[in-house]
Amino acid sequence: MASDGKRLHGLVAATFTPMTVNSEINLSIIQEYVDYLVHKQKVKNIFVNGTTGEGASLSVQERKRLAEEWVKHGRGKMDNVVVHVGCLSLEDSKDLAAHAASIGADAISAVSPSFIKPSCPDALVLYLKEVASAAPSLPFYYYHIPRLTGVTYQVSDLVSRMKVQIPSFRGVKFSDTNLLDFSMCIHENKQYDFLYGVDEQLLGALVFGPNGAVGSTYNYLGATTTKMLTAFEKGDLEKARKIQCGIQEFITFVFALGWGLPEFKNIMSTVSGIDLGPPRSPLFSRFKPEHLEKIREEIKKIDLI
């Protein structure tokens, strides 16, 4: 059985993977990265080697080395280091899961295979069961992101199967805008952790009672988003809406330029002062030096930092 009953709650930063100018993983700045999250953003949970971390573009060995470094530097500072282990290959996923357990990770997560897709909900649950069984001592979280995987099975239906079939199942990272499905997950399964994964509409999801949220913007807007969570908890919806709308304006500004993950990585480097390097091919950043001041202006204008 999975361990100790510790719940995963609050903000979880989906970490970027630091790289050198040659697109090799850069382990040397992970300690600084961890300290920045803890001390500047007050974020003490991380989700590593996921979408934001370009996990699918990394080799198994690279993912292991990164997981080791995140766990090492997160020990005693982070509440939870969740390692994403999903791969197209089941055996690679199981290998990464077992490795995560061996290095002292706090939990694992896996996305659905997305090239050869599971043919039905039972096939997906069987795949996830195999992955989780490689690290039975660790809490397991299903990572639902249908926009990228193309796997659109109702999560509330999957949860009813996973909680029976997977002893270590503890919840879901729900990165989708289907709030009906998200609500039904929580309503019927209070004992599990459901973490919302669409940063720009987190406030709308909060009314359904999620345990927390996982997202890339919490790397540099964690302290700001925490203010929104606090306002919501106190019933100050006007303040919560103001903060959420400010975050939405910033994200809309970024999307209007046609930017995506590569540029969000550049924004994190700009805000934090930590050089995370370029993305890995096939991603390509269109962020240019002249964009730096504009980003600073936009962030200052909406008073996010």
C-alpha atoms as a PDB file:
ATOM      1  CA  MET A   1       0.000   0.000   0.000  1.00  0.00           C
ATOM      2  CA  ALA A   2       1.058   3.571  -0.587  1.00  0.00           C
ATOM      3  CA  SER A   3       2.517   5.303   2.388  1.00  0.00           C
ATOM      4  CA  ASP A   4       1.582   7.476   5.276  1.00  0.00           C
ATOM      5  CA  GLY A   5      -1.660   9.236   4.413  1.00  0.00           C
ATOM      6  CA  LYS A   6       0.064  12.568   3.705  1.00  0.00           C
ATOM      7  CA  ARG A   7      -2.168  14.662   1.442  1.00  0.00           C
ATOM      8  CA  LEU A   8      -0.975  16.623  -1.563  1.00  0.00           C
ATOM      9  CA  HIS A   9      -2.528  20.071  -1.342  1.00  0.00           C
ATOM     10  CA  GLY A  10      -1.864  23.718  -2.144  1.00  0.00           C
ATOM     11  CA  LEU A  11       0.105  24.969  -5.119  1.00  0.00           C
ATOM     12  CA  VAL A  12       2.387  22.609  -7.026  1.00  0.00           C
ATOM     13  CA  ALA A  13       4.882  24.128  -9.455  1.00  0.00           C
ATOM     14  CA  ALA A  14       5.293  22.133 -12.651  1.00  0.00           C
ATOM     15  CA  THR A  15       9.011  22.707 -13.023  1.00  0.00           C
ATOM     16  CA  PHE A  16      10.899  23.615 -16.173  1.00  0.00           C
ATOM     17  CA  THR A  17      13.950  21.550 -17.029  1.00  0.00           C
ATOM     18  CA  PRO A  18      17.135  23.644 -16.929  1.00  0.00           C
ATOM     19  CA  MET A  19      19.276  23.172 -20.026  1.00  0.00           C
ATOM     20  CA  THR A  20      22.596  24.386 -21.364  1.00  0.00           C
ATOM     21  CA  VAL A  21      22.944  26.345 -24.593  1.00  0.00           C
ATOM     22  CA  ASN A  22      23.503  22.965 -26.262  1.00  0.00           C
ATOM     23  CA  SER A  23      20.158  21.673 -24.914  1.00  0.00           C
ATOM     24  CA  GLU A  24      21.779  19.291 -22.459  1.00  0.00           C
ATOM     25  CA  ILE A  25      20.173  19.023 -19.030  1.00  0.00           C
ATOM     26  CA  ASN A  26      21.754  21.439 -16.551  1.00  0.00           C
ATOM     27  CA  LEU A  27      21.707  19.971 -13.052  1.00  0.00           C
ATOM     28  CA  SER A  28      23.914  22.660 -11.555  1.00  0.00           C
ATOM     29  CA  ILE A  29      21.145  25.218 -10.972  1.00  0.00           C
ATOM     30  CA  ILE A  30      18.446  22.976  -9.527  1.00  0.00           C
ATOM     31  CA  GLN A  31      19.425  23.821  -5.947  1.00  0.00           C
ATOM     32  CA  GLU A  32      19.036  27.541  -6.737  1.00  0.00           C
ATOM     33  CA  TYR A  33      15.722  26.793  -8.463  1.00  0.00           C
ATOM     34  CA  VAL A  34      14.387  24.950  -5.388  1.00  0.00           C
ATOM     35  CA  ASP A  35      15.450  27.776  -3.083  1.00  0.00           C
ATOM     36  CA  TYR A  36      13.761  30.328  -5.333  1.00  0.00           C
ATOM     37  CA  LEU A  37      10.463  28.447  -5.242  1.00  0.00           C
ATOM     38  CA  VAL A  38      10.543  27.995  -1.480  1.00  0.00           C
ATOM     39  CA  HIS A  39      11.748  31.442  -0.431  1.00  0.00           C
ATOM     40  CA  LYS A  40      10.463  33.761  -3.176  1.00  0.00           C
ATOM     41  CA  GLN A  41       7.263  32.076  -4.334  1.00  0.00           C
ATOM     42  CA  LYS A  42       6.411  30.204  -1.112  1.00  0.00           C
ATOM     43  CA  VAL A  43       5.736  27.072  -3.175  1.00  0.00           C
ATOM     44  CA  LYS A  44       6.746  23.833  -1.465  1.00  0.00           C
ATOM     45  CA  ASN A  45       5.442  21.200  -3.868  1.00  0.00           C
ATOM     46  CA  ILE A  46       6.847  20.381  -7.298  1.00  0.00           C
ATOM     47  CA  PHE A  47       5.848  18.200 -10.242  1.00  0.00           C
ATOM     48  CA  VAL A  48       8.958  17.292 -12.245  1.00  0.00           C
ATOM     49  CA  ASN A  49       9.557  15.831 -15.715  1.00  0.00           C
ATOM     50  CA  GLY A  50       6.018  16.613 -16.832  1.00  0.00           C
ATOM     51  CA  THR A  51       4.784  18.662 -19.787  1.00  0.00           C
ATOM     52  CA  THR A  52       6.371  21.899 -18.571  1.00  0.00           C
ATOM     53  CA  GLY A  53       9.582  19.978 -17.917  1.00  0.00           C
ATOM     54  CA  GLU A  54       9.627  18.637 -21.506  1.00  0.00           C
ATOM     55  CA  GLY A  55       9.594  15.128 -20.058  1.00  0.00           C
ATOM     56  CA  ALA A  56       8.580  13.499 -23.333  1.00  0.00           C
ATOM     57  CA  SER A  57      11.681  14.970 -25.007  1.00  0.00           C
ATOM     58  CA  LEU A  58      14.065  13.563 -22.404  1.00  0.00           C
ATOM     59  CA  SER A  59      15.698  10.153 -22.330  1.00  0.00           C
ATOM     60  CA  VAL A  60      14.985   7.755 -19.479  1.00  0.00           C
ATOM     61  CA  GLN A  61      18.466   8.324 -18.100  1.00  0.00           C
ATOM     62  CA  GLU A  62      18.073  12.093 -18.232  1.00  0.00           C
ATOM     63  CA  ARG A  63      14.760  11.850 -16.412  1.00  0.00           C
ATOM     64  CA  LYS A  64      16.376   9.712 -13.726  1.00  0.00           C
ATOM     65  CA  ARG A  65      19.233  12.153 -13.222  1.00  0.00           C
ATOM     66  CA  LEU A  66      16.827  15.067 -12.999  1.00  0.00           C
ATOM     67  CA  ALA A  67      14.577  13.255 -10.536  1.00  0.00           C
ATOM     68  CA  GLU A  68      17.581  12.459  -8.357  1.00  0.00           C
ATOM     69  CA  GLU A  69      18.644  16.092  -8.310  1.00  0.00           C
ATOM     70  CA  TRP A  70      15.157  17.453  -7.566  1.00  0.00           C
ATOM     71  CA  VAL A  71      14.678  14.961  -4.735  1.00  0.00           C
ATOM     72  CA  LYS A  72      18.141  15.630  -3.289  1.00  0.00           C
ATOM     73  CA  HIS A  73      17.713  19.399  -3.175  1.00  0.00           C
ATOM     74  CA  GLY A  74      14.042  19.268  -2.254  1.00  0.00           C
ATOM     75  CA  ARG A  75      14.663  17.104   0.807  1.00  0.00           C
ATOM     76  CA  GLY A  76      13.878  19.090   3.940  1.00  0.00           C
ATOM     77  CA  LYS A  77      12.668  22.074   1.882  1.00  0.00           C
ATOM     78  CA  MET A  78       9.812  20.727  -0.213  1.00  0.00           C
ATOM     79  CA  ASP A  79       6.689  19.096   1.183  1.00  0.00           C
ATOM     80  CA  ASN A  80       6.278  16.943  -1.920  1.00  0.00           C
ATOM     81  CA  VAL A  81       8.419  16.095  -4.934  1.00  0.00           C
ATOM     82  CA  VAL A  82       6.132  14.354  -7.413  1.00  0.00           C
ATOM     83  CA  VAL A  83       7.938  12.621 -10.283  1.00  0.00           C
ATOM     84  CA  HIS A  84       6.116  12.176 -13.565  1.00  0.00           C
ATOM     85  CA  VAL A  85       6.987   8.758 -15.015  1.00  0.00           C
ATOM     86  CA  GLY A  86       4.619   8.423 -17.977  1.00  0.00           C
ATOM     87  CA  CYS A  87       6.127   7.234 -21.273  1.00  0.00           C
ATOM     88  CA  LEU A  88       4.976   5.705 -24.540  1.00  0.00           C
ATOM     89  CA  SER A  89       6.677   2.499 -23.372  1.00  0.00           C
ATOM     90  CA  LEU A  90       5.136   0.715 -20.403  1.00  0.00           C
ATOM     91  CA  GLU A  91       8.500  -0.785 -19.443  1.00  0.00           C
ATOM     92  CA  ASP A  92      10.149   2.639 -19.423  1.00  0.00           C
ATOM     93  CA  SER A  93       7.341   3.970 -17.232  1.00  0.00           C
ATOM     94  CA  LYS A  94       7.752   1.103 -14.770  1.00  0.00           C
ATOM     95  CA  ASP A  95      11.519   1.628 -14.737  1.00  0.00           C
ATOM     96  CA  LEU A  96      11.072   5.315 -13.913  1.00  0.00           C
ATOM     97  CA  ALA A  97       8.475   4.536 -11.250  1.00  0.00           C
ATOM     98  CA  ALA A  98      10.758   2.051  -9.500  1.00  0.00           C
ATOM     99  CA  HIS A  99      13.609   4.536  -9.715  1.00  0.00           C
ATOM    100  CA  ALA A 100      11.475   7.298  -8.167  1.00  0.00           C
ATOM    101  CA  ALA A 101      10.729   5.045  -5.218  1.00  0.00           C
ATOM    102  CA  SER A 102      14.391   4.132  -4.814  1.00  0.00           C
ATOM    103  CA  ILE A 103      15.533   7.772  -4.565  1.00  0.00           C
ATOM    104  CA  GLY A 104      12.914   8.864  -2.051  1.00  0.00           C
ATOM    105  CA  ALA A 105      10.379  10.724  -4.182  1.00  0.00           C
ATOM    106  CA  ASP A 106       7.118  11.537  -2.412  1.00  0.00           C
ATOM    107  CA  ALA A 107       4.773  10.414  -5.189  1.00  0.00           C
ATOM    108  CA  ILE A 108       4.592   9.479  -8.852  1.00  0.00           C
ATOM    109  CA  SER A 109       2.270  10.426 -11.668  1.00  0.00           C
ATOM    110  CA  ALA A 110       1.696   9.168 -15.189  1.00  0.00           C
ATOM    111  CA  VAL A 111      -0.020  10.510 -18.259  1.00  0.00           C
ATOM    112  CA  SER A 112      -1.782   8.213 -20.725  1.00  0.00           C
ATOM    113  CA  PRO A 113       0.229   6.906 -23.690  1.00  0.00           C
ATOM    114  CA  SER A 114      -0.594   9.214 -26.585  1.00  0.00           C
ATOM    115  CA  PHE A 115       0.653   7.598 -29.809  1.00  0.00           C
ATOM    116  CA  ILE A 116      -0.663   4.071 -29.465  1.00  0.00           C
ATOM    117  CA  LYS A 117      -3.591   5.056 -27.304  1.00  0.00           C
ATOM    118  CA  PRO A 118      -5.507   2.830 -24.876  1.00  0.00           C
ATOM    119  CA  SER A 119      -8.510   1.410 -26.710  1.00  0.00           C
ATOM    120  CA  CYS A 120     -10.951   1.795 -23.825  1.00  0.00           C
ATOM    121  CA  PRO A 121     -11.028   3.032 -20.197  1.00  0.00           C
ATOM    122  CA  ASP A 122     -10.180  -0.432 -18.872  1.00  0.00           C
ATOM    123  CA  ALA A 123      -7.072  -0.551 -21.076  1.00  0.00           C
ATOM    124  CA  LEU A 124      -5.903   2.778 -19.689  1.00  0.00           C
ATOM    125  CA  VAL A 125      -6.498   1.700 -16.098  1.00  0.00           C
ATOM    126  CA  LEU A 126      -4.586  -1.534 -16.738  1.00  0.00           C
ATOM    127  CA  TYR A 127      -1.626   0.474 -18.067  1.00  0.00           C
ATOM    128  CA  LEU A 128      -1.700   2.789 -15.052  1.00  0.00           C
ATOM    129  CA  LYS A 129      -2.010  -0.169 -12.681  1.00  0.00           C
ATOM    130  CA  GLU A 130       1.151  -1.662 -14.153  1.00  0.00           C
ATOM    131  CA  VAL A 131       3.021   1.601 -13.762  1.00  0.00           C
ATOM    132  CA  ALA A 132       1.878   2.115 -10.176  1.00  0.00           C
ATOM    133  CA  SER A 133       2.719  -1.480  -9.244  1.00  0.00           C
ATOM    134  CA  ALA A 134       6.401  -0.780  -9.936  1.00  0.00           C
ATOM    135  CA  ALA A 135       6.416   1.636  -6.981  1.00  0.00           C
ATOM    136  CA  PRO A 136       3.716   0.314  -4.624  1.00  0.00           C
ATOM    137  CA  SER A 137       4.979   2.354  -1.666  1.00  0.00           C
ATOM    138  CA  LEU A 138       4.409   5.692  -3.437  1.00  0.00           C
ATOM    139  CA  PRO A 139       1.097   7.542  -3.876  1.00  0.00           C
ATOM    140  CA  PHE A 140       0.046   7.439  -7.533  1.00  0.00           C
ATOM    141  CA  TYR A 141      -1.651  10.282  -9.400  1.00  0.00           C
ATOM    142  CA  TYR A 142      -3.194  10.010 -12.845  1.00  0.00           C
ATOM    143  CA  TYR A 143      -2.216  12.958 -15.075  1.00  0.00           C
ATOM    144  CA  HIS A 144      -5.159  13.947 -17.290  1.00  0.00           C
ATOM    145  CA  ILE A 145      -4.287  16.310 -20.149  1.00  0.00           C
ATOM    146  CA  PRO A 146      -6.512  15.392 -23.114  1.00  0.00           C
ATOM    147  CA  ARG A 147      -5.520  18.408 -25.219  1.00  0.00           C
ATOM    148  CA  LEU A 148      -2.094  16.813 -25.674  1.00  0.00           C
ATOM    149  CA  THR A 149      -2.798  13.092 -25.340  1.00  0.00           C
ATOM    150  CA  GLY A 150      -6.061  12.925 -27.274  1.00  0.00           C
ATOM    151  CA  VAL A 151      -7.341  10.554 -24.567  1.00  0.00           C
ATOM    152  CA  THR A 152     -10.717  11.963 -23.514  1.00  0.00           C
ATOM    153  CA  TYR A 153     -12.257   9.332 -21.252  1.00  0.00           C
ATOM    154  CA  GLN A 154     -14.269  10.848 -18.412  1.00  0.00           C
ATOM    155  CA  VAL A 155     -11.982  11.093 -15.417  1.00  0.00           C
ATOM    156  CA  SER A 156     -14.827  10.539 -12.971  1.00  0.00           C
ATOM    157  CA  ASP A 157     -15.386   7.157 -14.651  1.00  0.00           C
ATOM    158  CA  LEU A 158     -11.662   6.360 -14.597  1.00  0.00           C
ATOM    159  CA  VAL A 159     -11.452   7.214 -10.898  1.00  0.00           C
ATOM    160  CA  SER A 160     -14.201   4.739 -10.053  1.00  0.00           C
ATOM    161  CA  ARG A 161     -12.058   2.052 -11.719  1.00  0.00           C
ATOM    162  CA  MET A 162      -8.644   3.186 -10.460  1.00  0.00           C
ATOM    163  CA  LYS A 163      -9.619   3.299  -6.811  1.00  0.00           C
ATOM    164  CA  VAL A 164     -10.592  -0.375  -7.067  1.00  0.00           C
ATOM    165  CA  GLN A 165      -7.759  -1.559  -9.299  1.00  0.00           C
ATOM    166  CA  ILE A 166      -4.791   0.524  -8.077  1.00  0.00           C
ATOM    167  CA  PRO A 167      -4.047   0.233  -4.325  1.00  0.00           C
ATOM    168  CA  SER A 168      -1.682   3.228  -4.373  1.00  0.00           C
ATOM    169  CA  PHE A 169      -4.069   5.518  -6.272  1.00  0.00           C
ATOM    170  CA  ARG A 170      -4.324   8.882  -4.506  1.00  0.00           C
ATOM    171  CA  GLY A 171      -5.789  11.324  -6.995  1.00  0.00           C
ATOM    172  CA  VAL A 172      -5.611  13.198 -10.294  1.00  0.00           C
ATOM    173  CA  LYS A 173      -3.745  16.090 -11.868  1.00  0.00           C
ATOM    174  CA  PHE A 174      -6.662  17.416 -13.921  1.00  0.00           C
ATOM    175  CA  SER A 175      -5.418  19.624 -16.774  1.00  0.00           C
ATOM    176  CA  ASP A 176      -8.641  20.187 -18.682  1.00  0.00           C
ATOM    177  CA  THR A 177     -11.418  22.785 -18.829  1.00  0.00           C
ATOM    178  CA  ASN A 178     -14.255  20.270 -18.290  1.00  0.00           C
ATOM    179  CA  LEU A 179     -15.382  21.474 -14.884  1.00  0.00           C
ATOM    180  CA  LEU A 180     -18.399  19.145 -14.898  1.00  0.00           C
ATOM    181  CA  ASP A 181     -16.102  16.114 -14.983  1.00  0.00           C
ATOM    182  CA  PHE A 182     -13.787  17.711 -12.434  1.00  0.00           C
ATOM    183  CA  SER A 183     -16.670  18.455 -10.089  1.00  0.00           C
ATOM    184  CA  MET A 184     -17.977  14.891 -10.274  1.00  0.00           C
ATOM    185  CA  CYS A 185     -14.525  13.529  -9.439  1.00  0.00           C
ATOM    186  CA  ILE A 186     -14.395  15.537  -6.230  1.00  0.00           C
ATOM    187  CA  HIS A 187     -18.045  15.131  -5.256  1.00  0.00           C
ATOM    188  CA  GLU A 188     -17.847  11.359  -5.263  1.00  0.00           C
ATOM    189  CA  ASN A 189     -14.307  10.886  -3.924  1.00  0.00           C
ATOM    190  CA  LYS A 190     -13.528  13.166  -1.005  1.00  0.00           C
ATOM    191  CA  GLN A 191     -10.769  10.877   0.250  1.00  0.00           C
ATOM    192  CA  TYR A 192      -8.607  11.488  -2.839  1.00  0.00           C
ATOM    193  CA  ASP A 193      -6.567  14.504  -3.954  1.00  0.00           C
ATOM    194  CA  PHE A 194      -7.741  16.368  -7.045  1.00  0.00           C
ATOM    195  CA  LEU A 195      -5.432  19.099  -8.315  1.00  0.00           C
ATOM    196  CA  TYR A 196      -6.555  21.511 -10.986  1.00  0.00           C
ATOM    197  CA  GLY A 197      -4.185  22.155 -13.868  1.00  0.00           C
ATOM    198  CA  VAL A 198      -5.479  25.118 -15.895  1.00  0.00           C
ATOM    199  CA  ASP A 199      -3.850  28.120 -14.250  1.00  0.00           C
ATOM    200  CA  GLU A 200      -5.917  30.808 -15.963  1.00  0.00           C
ATOM    201  CA  GLN A 201      -9.235  29.488 -14.659  1.00  0.00           C
ATOM    202  CA  LEU A 202      -8.243  28.162 -11.244  1.00  0.00           C
ATOM    203  CA  LEU A 203     -10.680  30.465  -9.454  1.00  0.00           C
ATOM    204  CA  GLY A 204     -13.606  28.899 -11.305  1.00  0.00           C
ATOM    205  CA  ALA A 205     -12.478  25.449 -10.195  1.00  0.00           C
ATOM    206  CA  LEU A 206     -12.057  26.409  -6.541  1.00  0.00           C
ATOM    207  CA  VAL A 207     -15.796  26.353  -5.856  1.00  0.00           C
ATOM    208  CA  PHE A 208     -15.774  22.573  -6.315  1.00  0.00           C
ATOM    209  CA  GLY A 209     -13.262  22.079  -3.512  1.00  0.00           C
ATOM    210  CA  PRO A 210     -10.030  20.834  -5.118  1.00  0.00           C
ATOM    211  CA  ASN A 211      -7.069  20.020  -2.891  1.00  0.00           C
ATOM    212  CA  GLY A 212      -4.796  22.310  -4.860  1.00  0.00           C
ATOM    213  CA  ALA A 213      -3.430  23.161  -8.275  1.00  0.00           C
ATOM    214  CA  VAL A 214      -0.522  22.174 -10.498  1.00  0.00           C
ATOM    215  CA  GLY A 215       0.782  24.606 -13.074  1.00  0.00           C
ATOM    216  CA  SER A 216       3.737  26.204 -14.794  1.00  0.00           C
ATOM    217  CA  THR A 217       2.904  29.797 -13.822  1.00  0.00           C
ATOM    218  CA  TYR A 218       3.263  28.918 -10.136  1.00  0.00           C
ATOM    219  CA  ASN A 219       7.017  28.901 -10.762  1.00  0.00           C
ATOM    220  CA  TYR A 220       6.945  32.710 -10.895  1.00  0.00           C
ATOM    221  CA  LEU A 221       3.371  33.635  -9.884  1.00  0.00           C
ATOM    222  CA  GLY A 222       3.124  31.282  -6.927  1.00  0.00           C
ATOM    223  CA  ALA A 223       3.081  34.034  -4.292  1.00  0.00           C
ATOM    224  CA  THR A 224       0.468  35.954  -6.286  1.00  0.00           C
ATOM    225  CA  THR A 225      -1.756  32.913  -6.755  1.00  0.00           C
ATOM    226  CA  THR A 226      -1.466  32.124  -3.050  1.00  0.00           C
ATOM    227  CA  LYS A 227      -2.952  35.572  -2.358  1.00  0.00           C
ATOM    228  CA  MET A 228      -5.894  34.608  -4.564  1.00  0.00           C
ATOM    229  CA  LEU A 229      -6.348  31.324  -2.686  1.00  0.00           C
ATOM    230  CA  THR A 230      -6.256  33.163   0.637  1.00  0.00           C
ATOM    231  CA  ALA A 231      -8.803  35.722  -0.545  1.00  0.00           C
ATOM    232  CA  PHE A 232     -11.111  32.955  -1.740  1.00  0.00           C
ATOM    233  CA  GLU A 233     -10.840  31.105   1.554  1.00  0.00           C
ATOM    234  CA  LYS A 234     -11.739  34.301   3.420  1.00  0.00           C
ATOM    235  CA  GLY A 235     -14.747  34.894   1.181  1.00  0.00           C
ATOM    236  CA  ASP A 236     -13.237  37.999  -0.440  1.00  0.00           C
ATOM    237  CA  LEU A 237     -14.352  37.157  -3.975  1.00  0.00           C
ATOM    238  CA  GLU A 238     -13.754  40.665  -5.270  1.00  0.00           C
ATOM    239  CA  LYS A 239     -10.050  40.450  -4.425  1.00  0.00           C
ATOM    240  CA  ALA A 240      -9.806  36.859  -5.691  1.00  0.00           C
ATOM    241  CA  ARG A 241     -11.394  37.836  -9.009  1.00  0.00           C
ATOM    242  CA  LYS A 242      -9.091  40.833  -9.364  1.00  0.00           C
ATOM    243  CA  ILE A 243      -6.023  38.637  -8.941  1.00  0.00           C
ATOM    244  CA  GLN A 244      -7.319  35.927 -11.283  1.00  0.00           C
ATOM    245  CA  CYS A 245      -8.201  38.493 -13.948  1.00  0.00           C
ATOM    246  CA  GLY A 246      -4.725  39.980 -13.664  1.00  0.00           C
ATOM    247  CA  ILE A 247      -3.196  36.560 -14.231  1.00  0.00           C
ATOM    248  CA  GLN A 248      -5.560  36.005 -17.161  1.00  0.00           C
ATOM    249  CA  GLU A 249      -4.530  39.316 -18.720  1.00  0.00           C
ATOM    250  CA  PHE A 250      -0.887  38.348 -18.493  1.00  0.00           C
ATOM    251  CA  ILE A 251      -1.443  34.868 -19.965  1.00  0.00           C
ATOM    252  CA  THR A 252      -3.640  36.337 -22.729  1.00  0.00           C
ATOM    253  CA  PHE A 253      -0.859  38.787 -23.560  1.00  0.00           C
ATOM    254  CA  VAL A 254       1.573  35.875 -23.918  1.00  0.00           C
ATOM    255  CA  PHE A 255      -0.815  33.784 -26.021  1.00  0.00           C
ATOM    256  CA  ALA A 256      -1.621  36.763 -28.267  1.00  0.00           C
ATOM    257  CA  LEU A 257       2.013  36.764 -29.361  1.00  0.00           C
ATOM    258  CA  GLY A 258       1.661  33.143 -30.410  1.00  0.00           C
ATOM    259  CA  TRP A 259       3.943  32.061 -27.592  1.00  0.00           C
ATOM    260  CA  GLY A 260       3.818  28.809 -25.674  1.00  0.00           C
ATOM    261  CA  LEU A 261       5.971  26.582 -23.471  1.00  0.00           C
ATOM    262  CA  PRO A 262       9.356  27.767 -24.835  1.00  0.00           C
ATOM    263  CA  GLU A 263       8.523  31.390 -24.100  1.00  0.00           C
ATOM    264  CA  PHE A 264       7.062  30.624 -20.672  1.00  0.00           C
ATOM    265  CA  LYS A 265      10.440  29.094 -19.893  1.00  0.00           C
ATOM    266  CA  ASN A 266      12.082  32.359 -20.949  1.00  0.00           C
ATOM    267  CA  ILE A 267       9.652  34.297 -18.753  1.00  0.00           C
ATOM    268  CA  MET A 268      10.616  32.170 -15.765  1.00  0.00           C
ATOM    269  CA  SER A 269      14.287  32.929 -16.463  1.00  0.00           C
ATOM    270  CA  THR A 270      13.468  36.647 -16.713  1.00  0.00           C
ATOM    271  CA  VAL A 271      11.436  36.816 -13.505  1.00  0.00           C
ATOM    272  CA  SER A 272      13.594  34.532 -11.355  1.00  0.00           C
ATOM    273  CA  GLY A 273      17.015  35.565 -12.623  1.00  0.00           C
ATOM    274  CA  ILE A 274      17.856  31.868 -13.063  1.00  0.00           C
ATOM    275  CA  ASP A 275      19.009  31.046 -16.593  1.00  0.00           C
ATOM    276  CA  LEU A 276      17.011  27.954 -17.508  1.00  0.00           C
ATOM    277  CA  GLY A 277      18.420  27.849 -21.012  1.00  0.00           C
ATOM    278  CA  PRO A 278      16.599  26.994 -24.233  1.00  0.00           C
ATOM    279  CA  PRO A 279      13.916  24.393 -24.835  1.00  0.00           C
ATOM    280  CA  ARG A 280      14.801  21.153 -26.565  1.00  0.00           C
ATOM    281  CA  SER A 281      13.960  20.465 -30.201  1.00  0.00           C
ATOM    282  CA  PRO A 282      11.338  20.237 -31.640  1.00  0.00           C
ATOM    283  CA  LEU A 283      10.397  23.240 -29.484  1.00  0.00           C
ATOM    284  CA  PHE A 284      11.883  26.571 -30.499  1.00  0.00           C
ATOM    285  CA  SER A 285      11.720  29.868 -28.618  1.00  0.00           C
ATOM    286  CA  ARG A 286      10.820  33.081 -30.410  1.00  0.00           C
ATOM    287  CA  PHE A 287      11.689  35.102 -27.326  1.00  0.00           C
ATOM    288  CA  LYS A 288      14.170  37.867 -28.176  1.00  0.00           C
ATOM    289  CA  PRO A 289      16.213  40.258 -26.008  1.00  0.00           C
ATOM    290  CA  GLU A 290      13.871  43.119 -26.868  1.00  0.00           C
ATOM    291  CA  HIS A 291      10.994  41.155 -25.303  1.00  0.00           C
ATOM    292  CA  LEU A 292      12.589  41.280 -21.850  1.00  0.00           C
ATOM    293  CA  GLU A 293      11.532  44.816 -20.998  1.00  0.00           C
ATOM    294  CA  LYS A 294       8.058  44.268 -22.422  1.00  0.00           C
ATOM    295  CA  ILE A 295       7.549  41.254 -20.182  1.00  0.00           C
ATOM    296  CA  ARG A 296       8.695  43.234 -17.163  1.00  0.00           C
ATOM    297  CA  GLU A 297       6.312  46.045 -18.101  1.00  0.00           C
ATOM    298  CA  GLU A 298       3.343  43.695 -18.466  1.00  0.00           C
ATOM    299  CA  ILE A 299       4.011  42.025 -15.155  1.00  0.00           C
ATOM    300  CA  LYS A 300       4.431  45.356 -13.399  1.00  0.00           C
ATOM    301  CA  LYS A 301       1.350  46.826 -15.090  1.00  0.00           C
ATOM    302  CA  ILE A 302      -0.953  44.155 -13.717  1.00  0.00           C
ATOM    303  CA  ASP A 303       0.833  44.196 -10.376  1.00  0.00           C
ATOM    304  CA  LEU A 304       1.489  40.477 -10.218  1.00  0.00           C
ATOM    305  CA  ILE A 305       4.943  40.581  -8.683  1.00  0.00           C
END
